[in-house]
Amino acid sequence: MFNVFFRLSTLVFALFASTIAGAADQPLPVRSTGVVTWVADGDTFRFKADDPAAFEALRVVARQKDRQTARDLRVNDRFWSDNSFLVRVANIDTEESQHPDSSRNTQAGREAGEYVKGLLQGVAATVECYDIGYWGRPICSLWTESFELGTHLIEQGYADYETGFGRHPTMDTHYRRAMQSR
C-alpha cells in the first residue's frame, strides 16, 4: 500500500512540477480568469487568478525582468501567495488618487478610483497580461461580461489612451475610436 501511495504522490508531484515549469516558459501574453479583490485607483487593482500556472508564469517573468534591471521592482510586493497580483491597466492613464506625493492626487483621480471600485471590486473578470511594467506590475487588459475596462474608461472620460510606451497590442483601434468619440 505504501508503494502505491509513494508512486502516486511522486506522479502527482512530477505532473505539478512540469505544469509549473511549462508555465515559466510560457511567453507573454498570459491570460486568466479570476476576481478583482481590491482597487487602488482608476488604473491599478489586485486580481486573484483562477489559474495558478498563469499566476506563476507572470511571477517568473517579473522576477526575470527584476534581475535584468538596475532597480528593485518589488516583485514580492506585487505577487501574493493566494495567486493574486497587482495589475496596471495597459495603455490607459487616469488621474492620480493614491500617489505617495499627495500633491499629485486630484479630485478627478479620486472620482476615477471610486468609479472603478464600484465597477470592479469583487467582480469576476478575465485579464490578459502583456508585459511587466516599470514598477514591477503586470501590464494587463481586463474584460468583464459587460465591457473591456480600458475602452470603457476612455469612453466615460475617466482615462486617456497613452502610447508613450507603445501602442496597445490588441486594443489600439478600439482605444483610438473611444478617444475620438468623446
N, C-alpha and C. Protein backbone atom coordinates (compact mmCIF):
# COMPACT_ATOMS: atom_id res chain seq x y z
N MET A 1 0.83 -1.20 0.00
CA MET A 1 0.00 0.00 0.00
C MET A 1 0.87 1.26 0.00
N PHE A 2 1.94 1.26 0.81
CA PHE A 2 2.83 2.40 0.86
C PHE A 2 3.45 2.66 -0.50
N ASN A 3 3.84 1.57 -1.20
CA ASN A 3 4.44 1.71 -2.53
C ASN A 3 3.49 2.39 -3.51
N VAL A 4 2.23 2.01 -3.47
CA VAL A 4 1.24 2.61 -4.36
C VAL A 4 1.08 4.10 -4.03
N PHE A 5 0.98 4.41 -2.72
CA PHE A 5 0.85 5.81 -2.32
C PHE A 5 2.08 6.60 -2.74
N PHE A 6 3.27 6.05 -2.52
CA PHE A 6 4.51 6.73 -2.87
C PHE A 6 4.58 7.00 -4.38
N ARG A 7 4.24 5.98 -5.17
CA ARG A 7 4.27 6.15 -6.63
C ARG A 7 3.26 7.20 -7.09
N LEU A 8 2.06 7.15 -6.51
CA LEU A 8 1.02 8.10 -6.86
C LEU A 8 1.43 9.52 -6.48
N SER A 9 1.95 9.71 -5.27
CA SER A 9 2.36 11.05 -4.86
C SER A 9 3.53 11.55 -5.70
N THR A 10 4.45 10.66 -6.10
CA THR A 10 5.56 11.04 -6.96
C THR A 10 5.04 11.48 -8.33
N LEU A 11 4.07 10.75 -8.86
CA LEU A 11 3.49 11.09 -10.15
C LEU A 11 2.78 12.45 -10.08
N VAL A 12 2.01 12.67 -9.02
CA VAL A 12 1.31 13.94 -8.86
C VAL A 12 2.31 15.09 -8.78
N PHE A 13 3.37 14.90 -8.00
CA PHE A 13 4.39 15.94 -7.89
C PHE A 13 5.05 16.21 -9.24
N ALA A 14 5.37 15.16 -9.98
CA ALA A 14 6.01 15.32 -11.29
C ALA A 14 5.10 16.08 -12.25
N LEU A 15 3.81 15.76 -12.25
CA LEU A 15 2.86 16.47 -13.11
C LEU A 15 2.76 17.94 -12.71
N PHE A 16 2.70 18.21 -11.40
CA PHE A 16 2.63 19.58 -10.91
C PHE A 16 3.89 20.35 -11.30
N ALA A 17 5.05 19.74 -11.09
CA ALA A 17 6.32 20.40 -11.41
C ALA A 17 6.43 20.70 -12.90
N SER A 18 5.98 19.77 -13.74
CA SER A 18 6.06 20.01 -15.18
C SER A 18 5.08 21.10 -15.61
N THR A 19 3.94 21.18 -14.94
CA THR A 19 2.98 22.24 -15.24
C THR A 19 3.57 23.60 -14.89
N ILE A 20 4.18 23.71 -13.71
CA ILE A 20 4.79 24.96 -13.29
C ILE A 20 5.97 25.30 -14.20
N ALA A 21 6.79 24.33 -14.53
CA ALA A 21 7.93 24.57 -15.43
C ALA A 21 7.43 25.04 -16.79
N GLY A 22 6.37 24.43 -17.29
CA GLY A 22 5.80 24.86 -18.57
C GLY A 22 5.26 26.27 -18.48
N ALA A 23 4.66 26.61 -17.32
CA ALA A 23 4.16 27.97 -17.14
C ALA A 23 5.30 28.98 -17.17
N ALA A 24 6.43 28.59 -16.59
CA ALA A 24 7.57 29.51 -16.54
C ALA A 24 8.09 29.80 -17.94
N ASP A 25 7.97 28.83 -18.84
CA ASP A 25 8.45 29.02 -20.21
C ASP A 25 7.41 29.69 -21.10
N GLN A 26 6.19 29.83 -20.61
CA GLN A 26 5.10 30.38 -21.40
C GLN A 26 5.39 31.83 -21.72
N PRO A 27 5.42 32.18 -22.99
CA PRO A 27 5.66 33.58 -23.34
C PRO A 27 4.43 34.43 -23.04
N LEU A 28 4.67 35.72 -22.90
CA LEU A 28 3.54 36.64 -22.76
C LEU A 28 2.86 36.77 -24.11
N PRO A 29 1.58 36.99 -24.21
CA PRO A 29 0.70 37.32 -23.11
C PRO A 29 0.24 36.10 -22.31
N VAL A 30 -0.15 36.37 -21.07
CA VAL A 30 -0.71 35.37 -20.16
C VAL A 30 -2.14 35.77 -19.88
N ARG A 31 -3.05 34.81 -19.95
CA ARG A 31 -4.48 35.07 -19.75
C ARG A 31 -5.00 34.22 -18.60
N SER A 32 -5.89 34.80 -17.78
CA SER A 32 -6.54 34.05 -16.71
C SER A 32 -7.86 34.69 -16.36
N THR A 33 -8.77 33.87 -15.92
CA THR A 33 -10.00 34.37 -15.29
C THR A 33 -9.69 34.53 -13.81
N GLY A 34 -10.56 35.24 -13.12
CA GLY A 34 -10.37 35.44 -11.69
C GLY A 34 -11.31 36.51 -11.17
N VAL A 35 -10.92 37.14 -10.06
CA VAL A 35 -11.75 38.13 -9.40
C VAL A 35 -10.89 39.34 -9.02
N VAL A 36 -11.44 40.52 -9.20
CA VAL A 36 -10.79 41.74 -8.72
C VAL A 36 -11.09 41.82 -7.22
N THR A 37 -10.03 41.80 -6.41
CA THR A 37 -10.23 41.77 -4.96
C THR A 37 -10.05 43.13 -4.29
N TRP A 38 -9.38 44.06 -4.98
CA TRP A 38 -9.12 45.37 -4.38
C TRP A 38 -8.79 46.34 -5.50
N VAL A 39 -9.27 47.56 -5.39
CA VAL A 39 -8.99 48.60 -6.38
C VAL A 39 -8.19 49.69 -5.70
N ALA A 40 -6.99 49.98 -6.23
CA ALA A 40 -6.15 51.05 -5.68
C ALA A 40 -6.58 52.40 -6.20
N ASP A 41 -6.77 52.48 -7.51
CA ASP A 41 -7.20 53.72 -8.15
C ASP A 41 -7.76 53.38 -9.52
N GLY A 42 -7.89 54.36 -10.39
CA GLY A 42 -8.55 54.14 -11.67
C GLY A 42 -7.85 53.19 -12.62
N ASP A 43 -6.54 53.01 -12.46
CA ASP A 43 -5.82 52.14 -13.39
C ASP A 43 -4.97 51.06 -12.72
N THR A 44 -5.20 50.81 -11.43
CA THR A 44 -4.44 49.80 -10.70
C THR A 44 -5.37 49.03 -9.77
N PHE A 45 -5.25 47.70 -9.81
CA PHE A 45 -6.08 46.86 -8.95
C PHE A 45 -5.38 45.54 -8.65
N ARG A 46 -5.91 44.83 -7.66
CA ARG A 46 -5.41 43.50 -7.30
C ARG A 46 -6.36 42.47 -7.89
N PHE A 47 -5.77 41.47 -8.56
CA PHE A 47 -6.54 40.44 -9.27
C PHE A 47 -6.13 39.07 -8.74
N LYS A 48 -7.10 38.26 -8.33
CA LYS A 48 -6.83 36.90 -7.86
C LYS A 48 -7.14 35.94 -9.01
N ALA A 49 -6.08 35.32 -9.54
CA ALA A 49 -6.20 34.45 -10.71
C ALA A 49 -6.75 33.09 -10.33
N ASP A 50 -7.63 32.55 -11.18
CA ASP A 50 -8.12 31.18 -11.02
C ASP A 50 -7.08 30.17 -11.45
N ASP A 51 -6.16 30.56 -12.31
CA ASP A 51 -5.19 29.66 -12.91
C ASP A 51 -3.82 29.83 -12.26
N PRO A 52 -3.41 28.90 -11.37
CA PRO A 52 -2.10 29.02 -10.72
C PRO A 52 -0.94 29.05 -11.72
N ALA A 53 -1.06 28.36 -12.84
CA ALA A 53 0.02 28.34 -13.83
C ALA A 53 0.19 29.73 -14.47
N ALA A 54 -0.91 30.42 -14.73
CA ALA A 54 -0.84 31.77 -15.28
C ALA A 54 -0.20 32.71 -14.26
N PHE A 55 -0.61 32.61 -13.01
CA PHE A 55 -0.03 33.42 -11.94
C PHE A 55 1.48 33.19 -11.87
N GLU A 56 1.88 31.92 -11.86
CA GLU A 56 3.31 31.60 -11.75
C GLU A 56 4.09 32.08 -12.97
N ALA A 57 3.50 31.97 -14.15
CA ALA A 57 4.17 32.45 -15.36
C ALA A 57 4.45 33.95 -15.26
N LEU A 58 3.47 34.72 -14.79
CA LEU A 58 3.67 36.16 -14.63
C LEU A 58 4.74 36.46 -13.59
N ARG A 59 4.70 35.74 -12.49
CA ARG A 59 5.69 35.97 -11.43
C ARG A 59 7.10 35.65 -11.92
N VAL A 60 7.24 34.58 -12.69
CA VAL A 60 8.56 34.22 -13.24
C VAL A 60 9.06 35.33 -14.17
N VAL A 61 8.19 35.83 -15.04
CA VAL A 61 8.59 36.91 -15.96
C VAL A 61 8.97 38.16 -15.15
N ALA A 62 8.21 38.46 -14.10
CA ALA A 62 8.53 39.63 -13.26
C ALA A 62 9.89 39.45 -12.59
N ARG A 63 10.17 38.27 -12.09
CA ARG A 63 11.48 38.02 -11.46
C ARG A 63 12.61 38.13 -12.48
N GLN A 64 12.38 37.63 -13.70
CA GLN A 64 13.39 37.74 -14.75
C GLN A 64 13.65 39.20 -15.07
N LYS A 65 12.59 39.98 -15.21
CA LYS A 65 12.75 41.40 -15.52
C LYS A 65 13.44 42.12 -14.37
N ASP A 66 13.13 41.73 -13.13
CA ASP A 66 13.76 42.33 -11.96
C ASP A 66 15.28 42.12 -11.99
N ARG A 67 15.70 40.92 -12.38
CA ARG A 67 17.14 40.63 -12.47
C ARG A 67 17.81 41.40 -13.60
N GLN A 68 17.05 41.79 -14.60
CA GLN A 68 17.61 42.50 -15.76
C GLN A 68 17.68 44.01 -15.58
N THR A 69 17.07 44.53 -14.52
CA THR A 69 17.05 45.98 -14.33
C THR A 69 17.97 46.37 -13.17
N ALA A 70 18.31 47.63 -13.13
CA ALA A 70 19.17 48.14 -12.07
C ALA A 70 18.37 48.60 -10.85
N ARG A 71 17.05 48.50 -10.89
CA ARG A 71 16.23 48.93 -9.77
C ARG A 71 15.43 47.74 -9.22
N ASP A 72 14.95 47.89 -8.01
CA ASP A 72 14.16 46.85 -7.36
C ASP A 72 12.70 46.99 -7.80
N LEU A 73 12.19 45.99 -8.51
CA LEU A 73 10.80 46.03 -8.97
C LEU A 73 9.81 45.62 -7.88
N ARG A 74 10.32 45.24 -6.72
CA ARG A 74 9.48 44.84 -5.57
C ARG A 74 8.50 43.73 -5.95
N VAL A 75 9.00 42.73 -6.63
CA VAL A 75 8.16 41.62 -7.10
C VAL A 75 7.41 40.98 -5.94
N ASN A 76 8.05 40.80 -4.81
CA ASN A 76 7.37 40.18 -3.67
C ASN A 76 6.23 41.03 -3.13
N ASP A 77 6.24 42.33 -3.42
CA ASP A 77 5.14 43.22 -3.02
C ASP A 77 4.05 43.29 -4.07
N ARG A 78 4.24 42.63 -5.20
CA ARG A 78 3.28 42.67 -6.31
C ARG A 78 2.55 41.34 -6.52
N PHE A 79 3.09 40.26 -5.97
CA PHE A 79 2.53 38.91 -6.13
C PHE A 79 2.38 38.28 -4.76
N TRP A 80 1.20 37.71 -4.48
CA TRP A 80 0.91 37.15 -3.17
C TRP A 80 0.64 35.65 -3.25
N SER A 81 0.73 34.98 -2.11
CA SER A 81 0.62 33.52 -2.05
C SER A 81 -0.78 33.00 -2.39
N ASP A 82 -1.77 33.86 -2.45
CA ASP A 82 -3.13 33.41 -2.80
C ASP A 82 -3.41 33.51 -4.30
N ASN A 83 -2.35 33.57 -5.13
CA ASN A 83 -2.45 33.70 -6.59
C ASN A 83 -2.99 35.05 -7.03
N SER A 84 -2.84 36.06 -6.20
CA SER A 84 -3.27 37.40 -6.62
C SER A 84 -2.04 38.26 -6.91
N PHE A 85 -2.26 39.26 -7.74
CA PHE A 85 -1.17 40.15 -8.14
C PHE A 85 -1.71 41.53 -8.44
N LEU A 86 -0.82 42.52 -8.34
CA LEU A 86 -1.19 43.90 -8.61
C LEU A 86 -1.09 44.17 -10.10
N VAL A 87 -2.15 44.69 -10.69
CA VAL A 87 -2.25 44.92 -12.13
C VAL A 87 -2.21 46.41 -12.42
N ARG A 88 -1.49 46.77 -13.46
CA ARG A 88 -1.55 48.12 -14.04
C ARG A 88 -2.26 47.96 -15.38
N VAL A 89 -3.36 48.67 -15.58
CA VAL A 89 -4.12 48.55 -16.82
C VAL A 89 -3.28 49.07 -17.98
N ALA A 90 -3.25 48.29 -19.05
CA ALA A 90 -2.41 48.60 -20.21
C ALA A 90 -2.88 49.84 -20.95
N ASN A 91 -1.95 50.75 -21.21
CA ASN A 91 -2.11 51.87 -22.13
C ASN A 91 -3.21 52.86 -21.80
N ILE A 92 -3.67 52.87 -20.57
CA ILE A 92 -4.57 53.96 -20.19
C ILE A 92 -3.97 54.68 -19.00
N ASP A 93 -4.40 55.90 -18.81
CA ASP A 93 -3.92 56.68 -17.68
C ASP A 93 -5.09 57.44 -17.09
N THR A 94 -5.29 57.24 -15.79
CA THR A 94 -6.27 58.04 -15.07
C THR A 94 -5.50 59.01 -14.19
N GLU A 95 -6.15 60.04 -13.75
CA GLU A 95 -5.53 60.99 -12.82
C GLU A 95 -5.15 60.25 -11.54
N GLU A 96 -4.21 60.79 -10.80
CA GLU A 96 -3.73 60.16 -9.57
C GLU A 96 -4.71 60.36 -8.42
N SER A 97 -4.79 59.33 -7.55
CA SER A 97 -5.59 59.46 -6.33
C SER A 97 -4.88 58.83 -5.13
N GLN A 98 -3.88 57.98 -5.38
CA GLN A 98 -3.18 57.28 -4.31
C GLN A 98 -1.67 57.46 -4.41
N HIS A 99 -1.23 58.53 -5.02
CA HIS A 99 0.21 58.74 -5.22
C HIS A 99 0.88 59.08 -3.89
N PRO A 100 2.10 58.54 -3.65
CA PRO A 100 2.82 58.88 -2.41
C PRO A 100 3.07 60.39 -2.26
N ASP A 101 3.24 61.09 -3.38
CA ASP A 101 3.35 62.55 -3.35
C ASP A 101 1.93 63.10 -3.43
N SER A 102 1.34 63.42 -2.28
CA SER A 102 -0.08 63.79 -2.23
C SER A 102 -0.41 65.01 -3.08
N SER A 103 0.58 65.83 -3.41
CA SER A 103 0.30 66.99 -4.26
C SER A 103 -0.11 66.58 -5.68
N ARG A 104 0.18 65.33 -6.06
CA ARG A 104 -0.18 64.85 -7.40
C ARG A 104 -1.59 64.27 -7.46
N ASN A 105 -2.21 64.03 -6.30
CA ASN A 105 -3.56 63.47 -6.25
C ASN A 105 -4.58 64.56 -6.57
N THR A 106 -5.59 64.19 -7.37
CA THR A 106 -6.60 65.16 -7.80
C THR A 106 -8.00 64.65 -7.51
N GLN A 107 -8.95 65.57 -7.56
CA GLN A 107 -10.36 65.19 -7.40
C GLN A 107 -10.78 64.26 -8.54
N ALA A 108 -10.34 64.55 -9.77
CA ALA A 108 -10.67 63.68 -10.90
C ALA A 108 -10.10 62.27 -10.68
N GLY A 109 -8.92 62.19 -10.08
CA GLY A 109 -8.34 60.89 -9.77
C GLY A 109 -9.14 60.14 -8.73
N ARG A 110 -9.59 60.84 -7.70
CA ARG A 110 -10.43 60.21 -6.67
C ARG A 110 -11.75 59.71 -7.28
N GLU A 111 -12.32 60.51 -8.18
CA GLU A 111 -13.57 60.11 -8.83
C GLU A 111 -13.35 58.88 -9.72
N ALA A 112 -12.26 58.85 -10.45
CA ALA A 112 -11.95 57.68 -11.29
C ALA A 112 -11.76 56.44 -10.43
N GLY A 113 -11.03 56.59 -9.34
CA GLY A 113 -10.80 55.45 -8.43
C GLY A 113 -12.10 54.92 -7.85
N GLU A 114 -12.97 55.82 -7.41
CA GLU A 114 -14.27 55.39 -6.85
C GLU A 114 -15.14 54.73 -7.92
N TYR A 115 -15.09 55.28 -9.12
CA TYR A 115 -15.87 54.70 -10.23
C TYR A 115 -15.40 53.27 -10.52
N VAL A 116 -14.09 53.09 -10.63
CA VAL A 116 -13.55 51.75 -10.92
C VAL A 116 -13.82 50.80 -9.77
N LYS A 117 -13.71 51.28 -8.55
CA LYS A 117 -14.00 50.43 -7.39
C LYS A 117 -15.45 49.93 -7.47
N GLY A 118 -16.38 50.81 -7.80
CA GLY A 118 -17.78 50.42 -7.95
C GLY A 118 -18.00 49.44 -9.09
N LEU A 119 -17.22 49.57 -10.15
CA LEU A 119 -17.33 48.67 -11.31
C LEU A 119 -16.75 47.29 -11.05
N LEU A 120 -15.60 47.24 -10.37
CA LEU A 120 -14.80 46.01 -10.38
C LEU A 120 -14.65 45.26 -9.08
N GLN A 121 -14.68 45.93 -7.94
CA GLN A 121 -14.35 45.23 -6.71
C GLN A 121 -15.29 44.05 -6.48
N GLY A 122 -14.69 42.85 -6.38
CA GLY A 122 -15.45 41.62 -6.18
C GLY A 122 -16.03 41.02 -7.44
N VAL A 123 -15.70 41.58 -8.61
CA VAL A 123 -16.28 41.16 -9.88
C VAL A 123 -15.39 40.12 -10.56
N ALA A 124 -16.03 39.10 -11.11
CA ALA A 124 -15.32 38.10 -11.92
C ALA A 124 -14.93 38.73 -13.25
N ALA A 125 -13.73 38.42 -13.71
CA ALA A 125 -13.23 39.03 -14.94
C ALA A 125 -12.16 38.14 -15.55
N THR A 126 -11.68 38.57 -16.70
CA THR A 126 -10.56 37.92 -17.39
C THR A 126 -9.50 38.98 -17.61
N VAL A 127 -8.25 38.64 -17.32
CA VAL A 127 -7.15 39.54 -17.65
C VAL A 127 -6.26 38.88 -18.69
N GLU A 128 -5.67 39.72 -19.51
CA GLU A 128 -4.62 39.29 -20.42
C GLU A 128 -3.46 40.24 -20.19
N CYS A 129 -2.32 39.67 -19.79
CA CYS A 129 -1.17 40.47 -19.39
C CYS A 129 -0.08 40.37 -20.46
N TYR A 130 0.47 41.54 -20.83
CA TYR A 130 1.38 41.64 -21.96
C TYR A 130 2.83 41.88 -21.58
N ASP A 131 3.04 42.44 -20.39
CA ASP A 131 4.39 42.85 -20.01
C ASP A 131 4.44 43.04 -18.50
N ILE A 132 5.64 43.24 -17.98
CA ILE A 132 5.83 43.67 -16.60
C ILE A 132 6.33 45.10 -16.71
N GLY A 133 5.65 46.00 -16.04
CA GLY A 133 5.95 47.43 -16.20
C GLY A 133 7.11 47.92 -15.37
N TYR A 134 7.37 49.20 -15.48
CA TYR A 134 8.48 49.88 -14.83
C TYR A 134 8.49 49.66 -13.31
N TRP A 135 7.32 49.60 -12.71
CA TRP A 135 7.19 49.44 -11.26
C TRP A 135 6.94 47.99 -10.86
N GLY A 136 7.14 47.03 -11.76
CA GLY A 136 7.04 45.62 -11.41
C GLY A 136 5.65 45.03 -11.47
N ARG A 137 4.67 45.79 -11.93
CA ARG A 137 3.30 45.27 -12.02
C ARG A 137 3.04 44.69 -13.40
N PRO A 138 2.30 43.58 -13.47
CA PRO A 138 1.87 43.11 -14.79
C PRO A 138 1.02 44.17 -15.48
N ILE A 139 1.28 44.36 -16.76
CA ILE A 139 0.53 45.30 -17.59
C ILE A 139 -0.53 44.49 -18.33
N CYS A 140 -1.81 44.74 -18.01
CA CYS A 140 -2.88 43.85 -18.47
C CYS A 140 -4.09 44.63 -18.98
N SER A 141 -4.89 43.94 -19.77
CA SER A 141 -6.24 44.39 -20.11
C SER A 141 -7.20 43.53 -19.31
N LEU A 142 -8.40 44.05 -19.06
CA LEU A 142 -9.40 43.33 -18.27
C LEU A 142 -10.74 43.38 -18.97
N TRP A 143 -11.41 42.22 -19.01
CA TRP A 143 -12.75 42.10 -19.57
C TRP A 143 -13.69 41.55 -18.51
N THR A 144 -14.88 42.12 -18.43
CA THR A 144 -15.97 41.52 -17.66
C THR A 144 -16.99 41.02 -18.68
N GLU A 145 -18.10 40.54 -18.21
CA GLU A 145 -19.17 40.13 -19.14
C GLU A 145 -19.69 41.32 -19.93
N SER A 146 -19.53 42.53 -19.40
CA SER A 146 -20.15 43.71 -19.99
C SER A 146 -19.23 44.63 -20.78
N PHE A 147 -17.93 44.64 -20.48
CA PHE A 147 -17.05 45.63 -21.11
C PHE A 147 -15.58 45.24 -20.99
N GLU A 148 -14.77 45.91 -21.81
CA GLU A 148 -13.31 45.89 -21.67
C GLU A 148 -12.99 47.18 -20.94
N LEU A 149 -12.24 47.09 -19.86
CA LEU A 149 -12.06 48.21 -18.95
C LEU A 149 -11.44 49.45 -19.61
N GLY A 150 -10.37 49.30 -20.36
CA GLY A 150 -9.72 50.47 -20.96
C GLY A 150 -10.66 51.25 -21.86
N THR A 151 -11.33 50.56 -22.77
CA THR A 151 -12.28 51.23 -23.67
C THR A 151 -13.37 51.93 -22.87
N HIS A 152 -13.90 51.23 -21.88
CA HIS A 152 -14.98 51.79 -21.06
C HIS A 152 -14.52 53.07 -20.35
N LEU A 153 -13.34 53.06 -19.74
CA LEU A 153 -12.87 54.24 -19.02
C LEU A 153 -12.58 55.41 -19.95
N ILE A 154 -12.07 55.11 -21.13
CA ILE A 154 -11.84 56.17 -22.12
C ILE A 154 -13.18 56.77 -22.55
N GLU A 155 -14.15 55.91 -22.89
CA GLU A 155 -15.47 56.40 -23.32
C GLU A 155 -16.16 57.24 -22.25
N GLN A 156 -15.98 56.87 -21.00
CA GLN A 156 -16.63 57.58 -19.90
C GLN A 156 -15.87 58.84 -19.47
N GLY A 157 -14.70 59.08 -20.07
CA GLY A 157 -13.92 60.28 -19.76
C GLY A 157 -13.04 60.17 -18.53
N TYR A 158 -12.87 58.98 -17.98
CA TYR A 158 -12.02 58.79 -16.80
C TYR A 158 -10.55 58.53 -17.16
N ALA A 159 -10.28 58.20 -18.41
CA ALA A 159 -8.91 57.84 -18.80
C ALA A 159 -8.62 58.32 -20.21
N ASP A 160 -7.35 58.44 -20.50
CA ASP A 160 -6.86 58.73 -21.85
C ASP A 160 -6.06 57.53 -22.34
N TYR A 161 -6.03 57.36 -23.64
CA TYR A 161 -5.21 56.34 -24.27
C TYR A 161 -3.78 56.85 -24.33
N GLU A 162 -2.86 56.13 -23.75
CA GLU A 162 -1.46 56.53 -23.70
C GLU A 162 -0.61 55.62 -24.58
N THR A 163 0.17 56.21 -25.45
CA THR A 163 1.02 55.43 -26.35
C THR A 163 2.51 55.74 -26.16
N GLY A 164 2.84 56.42 -25.07
CA GLY A 164 4.23 56.79 -24.81
C GLY A 164 5.17 55.60 -24.70
N PHE A 165 4.65 54.44 -24.33
CA PHE A 165 5.46 53.22 -24.25
C PHE A 165 5.09 52.25 -25.37
N GLY A 166 4.37 52.74 -26.38
CA GLY A 166 3.94 51.91 -27.50
C GLY A 166 2.44 51.78 -27.52
N ARG A 167 1.95 51.31 -28.63
CA ARG A 167 0.51 51.10 -28.80
C ARG A 167 0.08 49.83 -28.06
N HIS A 168 -1.21 49.80 -27.73
CA HIS A 168 -1.76 48.60 -27.10
C HIS A 168 -1.68 47.46 -28.11
N PRO A 169 -1.25 46.26 -27.68
CA PRO A 169 -1.04 45.18 -28.65
C PRO A 169 -2.31 44.66 -29.32
N THR A 170 -3.48 44.82 -28.71
CA THR A 170 -4.70 44.30 -29.33
C THR A 170 -5.85 45.32 -29.39
N MET A 171 -5.79 46.37 -28.58
CA MET A 171 -6.92 47.29 -28.47
C MET A 171 -6.66 48.68 -29.08
N ASP A 172 -5.60 48.84 -29.82
CA ASP A 172 -5.22 50.15 -30.36
C ASP A 172 -6.38 50.81 -31.11
N THR A 173 -6.97 50.11 -32.05
CA THR A 173 -8.07 50.67 -32.85
C THR A 173 -9.25 51.05 -31.97
N HIS A 174 -9.61 50.18 -31.03
CA HIS A 174 -10.73 50.45 -30.12
C HIS A 174 -10.46 51.69 -29.27
N TYR A 175 -9.25 51.78 -28.74
CA TYR A 175 -8.90 52.92 -27.88
C TYR A 175 -8.88 54.22 -28.68
N ARG A 176 -8.38 54.17 -29.91
CA ARG A 176 -8.36 55.39 -30.74
C ARG A 176 -9.79 55.84 -31.05
N ARG A 177 -10.66 54.88 -31.38
CA ARG A 177 -12.07 55.23 -31.65
C ARG A 177 -12.73 55.80 -30.41
N ALA A 178 -12.44 55.21 -29.25
CA ALA A 178 -13.04 55.70 -28.00
C ALA A 178 -12.58 57.13 -27.73
N MET A 179 -11.31 57.43 -27.98
CA MET A 179 -10.81 58.80 -27.76
C MET A 179 -11.51 59.77 -28.72
N GLN A 180 -11.73 59.36 -29.96
CA GLN A 180 -12.37 60.23 -30.95
C GLN A 180 -13.84 60.45 -30.64
N SER A 181 -14.48 59.49 -30.01
CA SER A 181 -15.93 59.58 -29.76
C SER A 181 -16.28 60.45 -28.56
N ARG A 182 -15.28 60.88 -27.81
CA ARG A 182 -15.59 61.71 -26.62
C ARG A 182 -15.90 63.13 -26.98
